[in-house]
Full PDB file with SEQRES, HELIX, SHEET, SSBOND, CRYST1, ORIGX, SCALE, CONECT and MASTER records, all heavy atoms in Angstrom:
SEQRES   1 A   38  PHE VAL VAL THR SER CYS ASN ASN ASP PHE ASN VAL ALA          
SEQRES   2 A   38  ARG LEU GLU ARG TYR LEU ALA LEU ALA PHE GLU ALA ASP          
SEQRES   3 A   38  VAL THR PRO VAL ILE LEU LEU THR LYS ALA ASP LEU              
HELIX    1 AA1 VAL A   12  ALA A   25  1                                  14    
SHEET    1 AA1 2 VAL A   2  SER A   5  0                                        
SHEET    2 AA1 2 ILE A  31  THR A  34  1                                        
CRYST1    1.000    1.000    1.000  90.00  90.00  90.00 P 1           1          
ORIGX1      1.000000  0.000000  0.000000        0.00000                         
ORIGX2      0.000000  1.000000  0.000000        0.00000                         
ORIGX3      0.000000  0.000000  1.000000        0.00000                         
SCALE1      1.000000  0.000000  0.000000        0.00000                         
SCALE2      0.000000  1.000000  0.000000        0.00000                         
SCALE3      0.000000  0.000000  1.000000        0.00000                         
ATOM      1  N   PHE A   1      93.535  87.139  74.336  1.00  0.00           N  
ATOM      2  CA  PHE A   1      93.958  86.737  72.998  1.00  0.00           C  
ATOM      3  C   PHE A   1      92.705  86.258  72.244  1.00  0.00           C  
ATOM      4  O   PHE A   1      92.139  85.195  72.570  1.00  0.00           O  
ATOM      5  CB  PHE A   1      94.988  85.597  73.084  1.00  0.00           C  
ATOM      6  CG  PHE A   1      96.301  86.032  73.667  1.00  0.00           C  
ATOM      7  CD1 PHE A   1      96.779  85.497  74.850  1.00  0.00           C  
ATOM      8  CD2 PHE A   1      97.085  86.987  73.028  1.00  0.00           C  
ATOM      9  CE1 PHE A   1      97.997  85.890  75.384  1.00  0.00           C  
ATOM     10  CE2 PHE A   1      98.315  87.392  73.538  1.00  0.00           C  
ATOM     11  CZ  PHE A   1      98.767  86.837  74.727  1.00  0.00           C  
ATOM     12  N   VAL A   2      92.294  87.039  71.271  1.00  0.00           N  
ATOM     13  CA  VAL A   2      91.141  86.672  70.457  1.00  0.00           C  
ATOM     14  C   VAL A   2      91.660  85.827  69.302  1.00  0.00           C  
ATOM     15  O   VAL A   2      92.384  86.325  68.438  1.00  0.00           O  
ATOM     16  CB  VAL A   2      90.407  87.935  69.946  1.00  0.00           C  
ATOM     17  CG1 VAL A   2      89.194  87.540  69.122  1.00  0.00           C  
ATOM     18  CG2 VAL A   2      89.992  88.823  71.108  1.00  0.00           C  
ATOM     19  N   VAL A   3      91.300  84.574  69.292  1.00  0.00           N  
ATOM     20  CA  VAL A   3      91.911  83.586  68.385  1.00  0.00           C  
ATOM     21  C   VAL A   3      90.982  83.276  67.215  1.00  0.00           C  
ATOM     22  O   VAL A   3      89.800  82.998  67.399  1.00  0.00           O  
ATOM     23  CB  VAL A   3      92.240  82.282  69.138  1.00  0.00           C  
ATOM     24  CG1 VAL A   3      93.056  81.360  68.255  1.00  0.00           C  
ATOM     25  CG2 VAL A   3      92.994  82.577  70.441  1.00  0.00           C  
ATOM     26  N   THR A   4      91.548  83.324  66.009  1.00  0.00           N  
ATOM     27  CA  THR A   4      90.837  82.893  64.812  1.00  0.00           C  
ATOM     28  C   THR A   4      91.848  82.247  63.888  1.00  0.00           C  
ATOM     29  O   THR A   4      93.060  82.338  64.124  1.00  0.00           O  
ATOM     30  CB  THR A   4      90.147  84.071  64.113  1.00  0.00           C  
ATOM     31  OG1 THR A   4      89.334  83.587  63.033  1.00  0.00           O  
ATOM     32  CG2 THR A   4      91.167  85.069  63.565  1.00  0.00           C  
ATOM     33  N   SER A   5      91.355  81.536  62.883  1.00  0.00           N  
ATOM     34  CA  SER A   5      92.250  80.779  61.999  1.00  0.00           C  
ATOM     35  C   SER A   5      92.315  81.385  60.611  1.00  0.00           C  
ATOM     36  O   SER A   5      91.400  82.097  60.175  1.00  0.00           O  
ATOM     37  CB  SER A   5      91.772  79.329  61.901  1.00  0.00           C  
ATOM     38  OG  SER A   5      91.692  78.729  63.171  1.00  0.00           O  
ATOM     39  N   CYS A   6      93.381  81.098  59.926  1.00  0.00           N  
ATOM     40  CA  CYS A   6      93.551  81.516  58.533  1.00  0.00           C  
ATOM     41  C   CYS A   6      92.823  80.525  57.642  1.00  0.00           C  
ATOM     42  O   CYS A   6      93.429  79.784  56.848  1.00  0.00           O  
ATOM     43  CB  CYS A   6      95.033  81.612  58.155  1.00  0.00           C  
ATOM     44  SG  CYS A   6      95.950  82.860  59.085  1.00  0.00           S  
ATOM     45  N   ASN A   7      91.506  80.483  57.784  1.00  0.00           N  
ATOM     46  CA  ASN A   7      90.654  79.614  56.961  1.00  0.00           C  
ATOM     47  C   ASN A   7      89.240  80.134  57.003  1.00  0.00           C  
ATOM     48  O   ASN A   7      89.028  81.320  57.261  1.00  0.00           O  
ATOM     49  CB  ASN A   7      90.725  78.142  57.466  1.00  0.00           C  
ATOM     50  CG  ASN A   7      90.384  78.009  58.941  1.00  0.00           C  
ATOM     51  OD1 ASN A   7      89.653  78.812  59.498  1.00  0.00           O  
ATOM     52  ND2 ASN A   7      90.932  76.986  59.582  1.00  0.00           N  
ATOM     53  N   ASN A   8      88.250  79.291  56.773  1.00  0.00           N  
ATOM     54  CA  ASN A   8      86.859  79.763  56.700  1.00  0.00           C  
ATOM     55  C   ASN A   8      86.308  80.251  58.027  1.00  0.00           C  
ATOM     56  O   ASN A   8      85.230  80.864  58.073  1.00  0.00           O  
ATOM     57  CB  ASN A   8      85.944  78.621  56.198  1.00  0.00           C  
ATOM     58  CG  ASN A   8      86.227  78.278  54.743  1.00  0.00           C  
ATOM     59  OD1 ASN A   8      86.744  79.102  53.999  1.00  0.00           O  
ATOM     60  ND2 ASN A   8      85.913  77.053  54.338  1.00  0.00           N  
ATOM     61  N   ASP A   9      87.025  80.007  59.131  1.00  0.00           N  
ATOM     62  CA  ASP A   9      86.573  80.514  60.420  1.00  0.00           C  
ATOM     63  C   ASP A   9      86.729  82.031  60.528  1.00  0.00           C  
ATOM     64  O   ASP A   9      86.004  82.673  61.288  1.00  0.00           O  
ATOM     65  CB  ASP A   9      87.356  79.829  61.562  1.00  0.00           C  
ATOM     66  CG  ASP A   9      86.993  80.416  62.923  1.00  0.00           C  
ATOM     67  OD1 ASP A   9      85.967  79.992  63.483  1.00  0.00           O  
ATOM     68  OD2 ASP A   9      87.718  81.286  63.427  1.00  0.00           O  
ATOM     69  N   PHE A  10      87.674  82.607  59.785  1.00  0.00           N  
ATOM     70  CA  PHE A  10      87.947  84.026  59.899  1.00  0.00           C  
ATOM     71  C   PHE A  10      86.729  84.868  59.559  1.00  0.00           C  
ATOM     72  O   PHE A  10      86.128  84.706  58.496  1.00  0.00           O  
ATOM     73  CB  PHE A  10      89.113  84.403  58.976  1.00  0.00           C  
ATOM     74  CG  PHE A  10      89.561  85.827  59.117  1.00  0.00           C  
ATOM     75  CD1 PHE A  10      90.558  86.158  60.038  1.00  0.00           C  
ATOM     76  CD2 PHE A  10      88.999  86.839  58.353  1.00  0.00           C  
ATOM     77  CE1 PHE A  10      90.985  87.480  60.177  1.00  0.00           C  
ATOM     78  CE2 PHE A  10      89.413  88.156  58.481  1.00  0.00           C  
ATOM     79  CZ  PHE A  10      90.398  88.468  59.411  1.00  0.00           C  
ATOM     80  N   ASN A  11      86.362  85.750  60.478  1.00  0.00           N  
ATOM     81  CA  ASN A  11      85.174  86.572  60.308  1.00  0.00           C  
ATOM     82  C   ASN A  11      85.362  87.897  61.017  1.00  0.00           C  
ATOM     83  O   ASN A  11      85.474  87.943  62.242  1.00  0.00           O  
ATOM     84  CB  ASN A  11      83.935  85.826  60.860  1.00  0.00           C  
ATOM     85  CG  ASN A  11      82.649  86.573  60.631  1.00  0.00           C  
ATOM     86  OD1 ASN A  11      82.413  87.625  61.213  1.00  0.00           O  
ATOM     87  ND2 ASN A  11      81.795  86.018  59.787  1.00  0.00           N  
ATOM     88  N   VAL A  12      85.452  88.991  60.262  1.00  0.00           N  
ATOM     89  CA  VAL A  12      85.727  90.307  60.836  1.00  0.00           C  
ATOM     90  C   VAL A  12      84.651  90.708  61.837  1.00  0.00           C  
ATOM     91  O   VAL A  12      84.946  91.221  62.917  1.00  0.00           O  
ATOM     92  CB  VAL A  12      85.873  91.358  59.723  1.00  0.00           C  
ATOM     93  CG1 VAL A  12      85.920  92.774  60.337  1.00  0.00           C  
ATOM     94  CG2 VAL A  12      87.133  91.114  58.919  1.00  0.00           C  
ATOM     95  N   ALA A  13      83.387  90.505  61.486  1.00  0.00           N  
ATOM     96  CA  ALA A  13      82.291  90.902  62.366  1.00  0.00           C  
ATOM     97  C   ALA A  13      82.365  90.189  63.711  1.00  0.00           C  
ATOM     98  O   ALA A  13      82.117  90.794  64.761  1.00  0.00           O  
ATOM     99  CB  ALA A  13      80.945  90.609  61.696  1.00  0.00           C  
ATOM    100  N   ARG A  14      82.731  88.895  63.693  1.00  0.00           N  
ATOM    101  CA  ARG A  14      82.843  88.151  64.962  1.00  0.00           C  
ATOM    102  C   ARG A  14      84.012  88.677  65.780  1.00  0.00           C  
ATOM    103  O   ARG A  14      83.933  88.818  66.996  1.00  0.00           O  
ATOM    104  CB  ARG A  14      82.983  86.663  64.687  1.00  0.00           C  
ATOM    105  CG  ARG A  14      82.918  85.835  65.976  1.00  0.00           C  
ATOM    106  CD  ARG A  14      83.356  84.403  65.797  1.00  0.00           C  
ATOM    107  NE  ARG A  14      82.640  83.769  64.687  1.00  0.00           N  
ATOM    108  CZ  ARG A  14      83.267  83.220  63.664  1.00  0.00           C  
ATOM    109  NH1 ARG A  14      84.587  83.213  63.588  1.00  0.00           N  
ATOM    110  NH2 ARG A  14      82.573  82.663  62.680  1.00  0.00           N  
ATOM    111  N   LEU A  15      85.129  88.934  65.112  1.00  0.00           N  
ATOM    112  CA  LEU A  15      86.279  89.505  65.833  1.00  0.00           C  
ATOM    113  C   LEU A  15      85.920  90.817  66.500  1.00  0.00           C  
ATOM    114  O   LEU A  15      86.346  91.089  67.636  1.00  0.00           O  
ATOM    115  CB  LEU A  15      87.440  89.703  64.851  1.00  0.00           C  
ATOM    116  CG  LEU A  15      88.172  88.451  64.355  1.00  0.00           C  
ATOM    117  CD1 LEU A  15      89.198  88.820  63.293  1.00  0.00           C  
ATOM    118  CD2 LEU A  15      88.841  87.721  65.498  1.00  0.00           C  
ATOM    119  N   GLU A  16      85.156  91.635  65.815  1.00  0.00           N  
ATOM    120  CA  GLU A  16      84.771  92.932  66.386  1.00  0.00           C  
ATOM    121  C   GLU A  16      83.943  92.756  67.650  1.00  0.00           C  
ATOM    122  O   GLU A  16      84.050  93.550  68.586  1.00  0.00           O  
ATOM    123  CB  GLU A  16      84.005  93.749  65.347  1.00  0.00           C  
ATOM    124  CG  GLU A  16      84.916  94.286  64.239  1.00  0.00           C  
ATOM    125  CD  GLU A  16      84.162  94.923  63.098  1.00  0.00           C  
ATOM    126  OE1 GLU A  16      82.946  94.666  62.955  1.00  0.00           O  
ATOM    127  OE2 GLU A  16      84.780  95.693  62.332  1.00  0.00           O  
ATOM    128  N   ARG A  17      83.110  91.718  67.698  1.00  0.00           N  
ATOM    129  CA  ARG A  17      82.326  91.464  68.920  1.00  0.00           C  
ATOM    130  C   ARG A  17      83.244  91.162  70.106  1.00  0.00           C  
ATOM    131  O   ARG A  17      83.064  91.695  71.185  1.00  0.00           O  
ATOM    132  CB  ARG A  17      81.366  90.300  68.685  1.00  0.00           C  
ATOM    133  CG  ARG A  17      80.186  90.614  67.808  1.00  0.00           C  
ATOM    134  CD  ARG A  17      79.295  89.395  67.611  1.00  0.00           C  
ATOM    135  NE  ARG A  17      78.141  89.737  66.819  1.00  0.00           N  
ATOM    136  CZ  ARG A  17      76.997  90.200  67.306  1.00  0.00           C  
ATOM    137  NH1 ARG A  17      76.881  90.380  68.618  1.00  0.00           N  
ATOM    138  NH2 ARG A  17      75.991  90.513  66.520  1.00  0.00           N  
ATOM    139  N   TYR A  18      84.199  90.265  69.870  1.00  0.00           N  
ATOM    140  CA  TYR A  18      85.131  89.921  70.945  1.00  0.00           C  
ATOM    141  C   TYR A  18      85.941  91.130  71.378  1.00  0.00           C  
ATOM    142  O   TYR A  18      86.169  91.346  72.585  1.00  0.00           O  
ATOM    143  CB  TYR A  18      86.068  88.808  70.482  1.00  0.00           C  
ATOM    144  CG  TYR A  18      85.488  87.416  70.506  1.00  0.00           C  
ATOM    145  CD1 TYR A  18      85.204  86.732  69.340  1.00  0.00           C  
ATOM    146  CD2 TYR A  18      85.233  86.765  71.721  1.00  0.00           C  
ATOM    147  CE1 TYR A  18      84.670  85.450  69.344  1.00  0.00           C  
ATOM    148  CE2 TYR A  18      84.703  85.482  71.743  1.00  0.00           C  
ATOM    149  CZ  TYR A  18      84.417  84.826  70.561  1.00  0.00           C  
ATOM    150  OH  TYR A  18      83.896  83.566  70.591  1.00  0.00           O  
ATOM    151  N   LEU A  19      86.384  91.917  70.431  1.00  0.00           N  
ATOM    152  CA  LEU A  19      87.211  93.096  70.754  1.00  0.00           C  
ATOM    153  C   LEU A  19      86.399  94.134  71.520  1.00  0.00           C  
ATOM    154  O   LEU A  19      86.919  94.782  72.426  1.00  0.00           O  
ATOM    155  CB  LEU A  19      87.802  93.692  69.482  1.00  0.00           C  
ATOM    156  CG  LEU A  19      88.790  92.792  68.721  1.00  0.00           C  
ATOM    157  CD1 LEU A  19      89.230  93.462  67.425  1.00  0.00           C  
ATOM    158  CD2 LEU A  19      90.001  92.453  69.578  1.00  0.00           C  
ATOM    159  N   ALA A  20      85.141  94.325  71.147  1.00  0.00           N  
ATOM    160  CA  ALA A  20      84.285  95.259  71.872  1.00  0.00           C  
ATOM    161  C   ALA A  20      84.127  94.821  73.331  1.00  0.00           C  
ATOM    162  O   ALA A  20      84.152  95.652  74.258  1.00  0.00           O  
ATOM    163  CB  ALA A  20      82.924  95.383  71.200  1.00  0.00           C  
ATOM    164  N   LEU A  21      83.978  93.508  73.548  1.00  0.00           N  
ATOM    165  CA  LEU A  21      83.886  92.977  74.899  1.00  0.00           C  
ATOM    166  C   LEU A  21      85.167  93.256  75.680  1.00  0.00           C  
ATOM    167  O   LEU A  21      85.121  93.632  76.854  1.00  0.00           O  
ATOM    168  CB  LEU A  21      83.649  91.465  74.878  1.00  0.00           C  
ATOM    169  CG  LEU A  21      82.245  90.962  74.620  1.00  0.00           C  
ATOM    170  CD1 LEU A  21      82.223  89.434  74.678  1.00  0.00           C  
ATOM    171  CD2 LEU A  21      81.263  91.517  75.649  1.00  0.00           C  
ATOM    172  N   ALA A  22      86.307  93.082  75.028  1.00  0.00           N  
ATOM    173  CA  ALA A  22      87.594  93.302  75.684  1.00  0.00           C  
ATOM    174  C   ALA A  22      87.765  94.769  76.062  1.00  0.00           C  
ATOM    175  O   ALA A  22      88.178  95.088  77.186  1.00  0.00           O  
ATOM    176  CB  ALA A  22      88.742  92.835  74.781  1.00  0.00           C  
ATOM    177  N   PHE A  23      87.445  95.671  75.139  1.00  0.00           N  
ATOM    178  CA  PHE A  23      87.576  97.104  75.438  1.00  0.00           C  
ATOM    179  C   PHE A  23      86.633  97.484  76.587  1.00  0.00           C  
ATOM    180  O   PHE A  23      87.002  98.270  77.467  1.00  0.00           O  
ATOM    181  CB  PHE A  23      87.255  97.910  74.188  1.00  0.00           C  
ATOM    182  CG  PHE A  23      88.408  98.030  73.229  1.00  0.00           C  
ATOM    183  CD1 PHE A  23      88.245  97.714  71.887  1.00  0.00           C  
ATOM    184  CD2 PHE A  23      89.656  98.455  73.638  1.00  0.00           C  
ATOM    185  CE1 PHE A  23      89.299  97.829  70.982  1.00  0.00           C  
ATOM    186  CE2 PHE A  23      90.715  98.557  72.754  1.00  0.00           C  
ATOM    187  CZ  PHE A  23      90.545  98.245  71.417  1.00  0.00           C  
ATOM    188  N   GLU A  24      85.416  96.960  76.550  1.00  0.00           N  
ATOM    189  CA  GLU A  24      84.454  97.270  77.618  1.00  0.00           C  
ATOM    190  C   GLU A  24      84.942  96.751  78.961  1.00  0.00           C  
ATOM    191  O   GLU A  24      84.728  97.380  80.003  1.00  0.00           O  
ATOM    192  CB  GLU A  24      83.085  96.651  77.287  1.00  0.00           C  
ATOM    193  CG  GLU A  24      81.998  96.972  78.288  1.00  0.00           C  
ATOM    194  CD  GLU A  24      81.606  98.450  78.291  1.00  0.00           C  
ATOM    195  OE1 GLU A  24      81.723  99.095  77.229  1.00  0.00           O  
ATOM    196  OE2 GLU A  24      81.187  98.947  79.362  1.00  0.00           O  
ATOM    197  N   ALA A  25      85.609  95.598  78.951  1.00  0.00           N  
ATOM    198  CA  ALA A  25      86.102  94.982  80.189  1.00  0.00           C  
ATOM    199  C   ALA A  25      87.393  95.637  80.678  1.00  0.00           C  
ATOM    200  O   ALA A  25      87.869  95.300  81.759  1.00  0.00           O  
ATOM    201  CB  ALA A  25      86.345  93.494  79.960  1.00  0.00           C  
ATOM    202  N   ASP A  26      87.942  96.556  79.904  1.00  0.00           N  
ATOM    203  CA  ASP A  26      89.215  97.200  80.234  1.00  0.00           C  
ATOM    204  C   ASP A  26      90.358  96.182  80.235  1.00  0.00           C  
ATOM    205  O   ASP A  26      91.227  96.190  81.120  1.00  0.00           O  
ATOM    206  CB  ASP A  26      89.133  97.917  81.584  1.00  0.00           C  
ATOM    207  CG  ASP A  26      90.227  98.967  81.762  1.00  0.00           C  
ATOM    208  OD1 ASP A  26      90.749  99.442  80.734  1.00  0.00           O  
ATOM    209  OD2 ASP A  26      90.552  99.310  82.913  1.00  0.00           O  
ATOM    210  N   VAL A  27      90.343  95.325  79.224  1.00  0.00           N  
ATOM    211  CA  VAL A  27      91.357  94.293  79.050  1.00  0.00           C  
ATOM    212  C   VAL A  27      92.103  94.558  77.744  1.00  0.00           C  
ATOM    213  O   VAL A  27      91.490  94.973  76.739  1.00  0.00           O  
ATOM    214  CB  VAL A  27      90.711  92.881  79.006  1.00  0.00           C  
ATOM    215  CG1 VAL A  27      91.730  91.824  78.638  1.00  0.00           C  
ATOM    216  CG2 VAL A  27      90.072  92.568  80.346  1.00  0.00           C  
ATOM    217  N   THR A  28      93.405  94.334  77.722  1.00  0.00           N  
ATOM    218  CA  THR A  28      94.204  94.507  76.521  1.00  0.00           C  
ATOM    219  C   THR A  28      93.895  93.378  75.539  1.00  0.00           C  
ATOM    220  O   THR A  28      94.148  92.207  75.835  1.00  0.00           O  
ATOM    221  CB  THR A  28      95.700  94.503  76.829  1.00  0.00           C  
ATOM    222  OG1 THR A  28      96.006  95.585  77.721  1.00  0.00           O  
ATOM    223  CG2 THR A  28      96.534  94.648  75.562  1.00  0.00           C  
ATOM    224  N   PRO A  29      93.371  93.687  74.327  1.00  0.00           N  
ATOM    225  CA  PRO A  29      93.111  92.627  73.348  1.00  0.00           C  
ATOM    226  C   PRO A  29      94.234  92.463  72.345  1.00  0.00           C  
ATOM    227  O   PRO A  29      94.909  93.425  71.980  1.00  0.00           O  
ATOM    228  CB  PRO A  29      91.829  93.137  72.642  1.00  0.00           C  
ATOM    229  CG  PRO A  29      91.971  94.625  72.660  1.00  0.00           C  
ATOM    230  CD  PRO A  29      92.788  94.989  73.894  1.00  0.00           C  
ATOM    231  N   VAL A  30      94.441  91.214  71.921  1.00  0.00           N  
ATOM    232  CA  VAL A  30      95.425  90.876  70.893  1.00  0.00           C  
ATOM    233  C   VAL A  30      94.766  89.842  69.988  1.00  0.00           C  
ATOM    234  O   VAL A  30      94.204  88.869  70.465  1.00  0.00           O  
ATOM    235  CB  VAL A  30      96.713  90.282  71.493  1.00  0.00           C  
ATOM    236  CG1 VAL A  30      97.696  89.928  70.388  1.00  0.00           C  
ATOM    237  CG2 VAL A  30      97.341  91.241  72.494  1.00  0.00           C  
ATOM    238  N   ILE A  31      94.818  90.076  68.672  1.00  0.00           N  
ATOM    239  CA  ILE A  31      94.276  89.098  67.725  1.00  0.00           C  
ATOM    240  C   ILE A  31      95.364  88.090  67.354  1.00  0.00           C  
ATOM    241  O   ILE A  31      96.468  88.461  66.962  1.00  0.00           O  
ATOM    242  CB  ILE A  31      93.788  89.800  66.438  1.00  0.00           C  
ATOM    243  CG1 ILE A  31      92.605  90.725  66.743  1.00  0.00           C  
ATOM    244  CG2 ILE A  31      93.347  88.758  65.390  1.00  0.00           C  
ATOM    245  CD1 ILE A  31      92.131  91.515  65.539  1.00  0.00           C  
ATOM    246  N   LEU A  32      95.038  86.795  67.505  1.00  0.00           N  
ATOM    247  CA  LEU A  32      95.958  85.731  67.115  1.00  0.00           C  
ATOM    248  C   LEU A  32      95.420  85.017  65.893  1.00  0.00           C  
ATOM    249  O   LEU A  32      94.266  84.526  65.908  1.00  0.00           O  
ATOM    250  CB  LEU A  32      96.132  84.715  68.266  1.00  0.00           C  
ATOM    251  CG  LEU A  32      96.684  85.225  69.588  1.00  0.00           C  
ATOM    252  CD1 LEU A  32      96.944  84.053  70.535  1.00  0.00           C  
ATOM    253  CD2 LEU A  32      97.922  86.052  69.400  1.00  0.00           C  
ATOM    254  N   LEU A  33      96.209  84.965  64.833  1.00  0.00           N  
ATOM    255  CA  LEU A  33      95.842  84.245  63.626  1.00  0.00           C  
ATOM    256  C   LEU A  33      96.588  82.913  63.639  1.00  0.00           C  
ATOM    257  O   LEU A  33      97.805  82.866  63.500  1.00  0.00           O  
ATOM    258  CB  LEU A  33      96.206  85.063  62.394  1.00  0.00           C  
ATOM    259  CG  LEU A  33      95.507  86.415  62.241  1.00  0.00           C  
ATOM    260  CD1 LEU A  33      96.024  87.131  61.012  1.00  0.00           C  
ATOM    261  CD2 LEU A  33      94.004  86.235  62.157  1.00  0.00           C  
ATOM    262  N   THR A  34      95.847  81.811  63.807  1.00  0.00           N  
ATOM    263  CA  THR A  34      96.455  80.491  63.894  1.00  0.00           C  
ATOM    264  C   THR A  34      96.354  79.730  62.575  1.00  0.00           C  
ATOM    265  O   THR A  34      95.754  80.207  61.614  1.00  0.00           O  
ATOM    266  CB  THR A  34      95.796  79.666  64.994  1.00  0.00           C  
ATOM    267  OG1 THR A  34      94.407  79.486  64.667  1.00  0.00           O  
ATOM    268  CG2 THR A  34      95.891  80.360  66.335  1.00  0.00           C  
ATOM    269  N   LYS A  35      96.944  78.540  62.573  1.00  0.00           N  
ATOM    270  CA  LYS A  35      96.970  77.657  61.405  1.00  0.00           C  
ATOM    271  C   LYS A  35      97.646  78.327  60.210  1.00  0.00           C  
ATOM    272  O   LYS A  35      97.291  78.063  59.038  1.00  0.00           O  
ATOM    273  CB  LYS A  35      95.553  77.184  61.043  1.00  0.00           C  
ATOM    274  CG  LYS A  35      94.821  76.522  62.231  1.00  0.00           C  
ATOM    275  CD  LYS A  35      93.531  75.905  61.833  1.00  0.00           C  
ATOM    276  CE  LYS A  35      92.732  75.450  63.073  1.00  0.00           C  
ATOM    277  NZ  LYS A  35      93.417  74.440  63.883  1.00  0.00           N  
ATOM    278  N   ALA A  36      98.633  79.187  60.515  1.00  0.00           N  
ATOM    279  CA  ALA A  36      99.390  79.852  59.448  1.00  0.00           C  
ATOM    280  C   ALA A  36     100.129  78.858  58.586  1.00  0.00           C  
ATOM    281  O   ALA A  36     100.358  79.094  57.401  1.00  0.00           O  
ATOM    282  CB  ALA A  36     100.354  80.865  60.054  1.00  0.00           C  
ATOM    283  N   ASP A  37     100.495  77.714  59.181  1.00  0.00           N  
ATOM    284  CA  ASP A  37     101.244  76.690  58.444  1.00  0.00           C  
ATOM    285  C   ASP A  37     100.377  75.971  57.405  1.00  0.00           C  
ATOM    286  O   ASP A  37     100.909  75.291  56.509  1.00  0.00           O  
ATOM    287  CB  ASP A  37     101.832  75.669  59.425  1.00  0.00           C  
ATOM    288  CG  ASP A  37     100.768  75.074  60.344  1.00  0.00           C  
ATOM    289  OD1 ASP A  37      99.950  75.849  60.884  1.00  0.00           O  
ATOM    290  OD2 ASP A  37     100.735  73.847  60.505  1.00  0.00           O  
ATOM    291  N   LEU A  38      99.057  76.125  57.498  1.00  0.00           N  
ATOM    292  CA  LEU A  38      98.145  75.449  56.574  1.00  0.00           C  
ATOM    293  C   LEU A  38      97.571  76.389  55.535  1.00  0.00           C  
ATOM    294  O   LEU A  38      96.677  75.991  54.767  1.00  0.00           O  
ATOM    295  CB  LEU A  38      96.994  74.793  57.371  1.00  0.00           C  
ATOM    296  CG  LEU A  38      97.400  73.812  58.468  1.00  0.00           C  
ATOM    297  CD1 LEU A  38      96.161  73.303  59.202  1.00  0.00           C  
ATOM    298  CD2 LEU A  38      98.189  72.652  57.873  1.00  0.00           C  
TER     299      LEU A  38                                                      
MASTER        0    0    0    1    2    0    0    6  298    1    0    3          
END                                                                             
């Protein structure tokens, strides 16, 4: 679960790094967007 927030932390380039690691590791990746209530 690649976790990021719905605020200034959100960064597409950083998410892509984590997802590339997951694909390389042969692990199922899922993006979680947190702090939706804020």
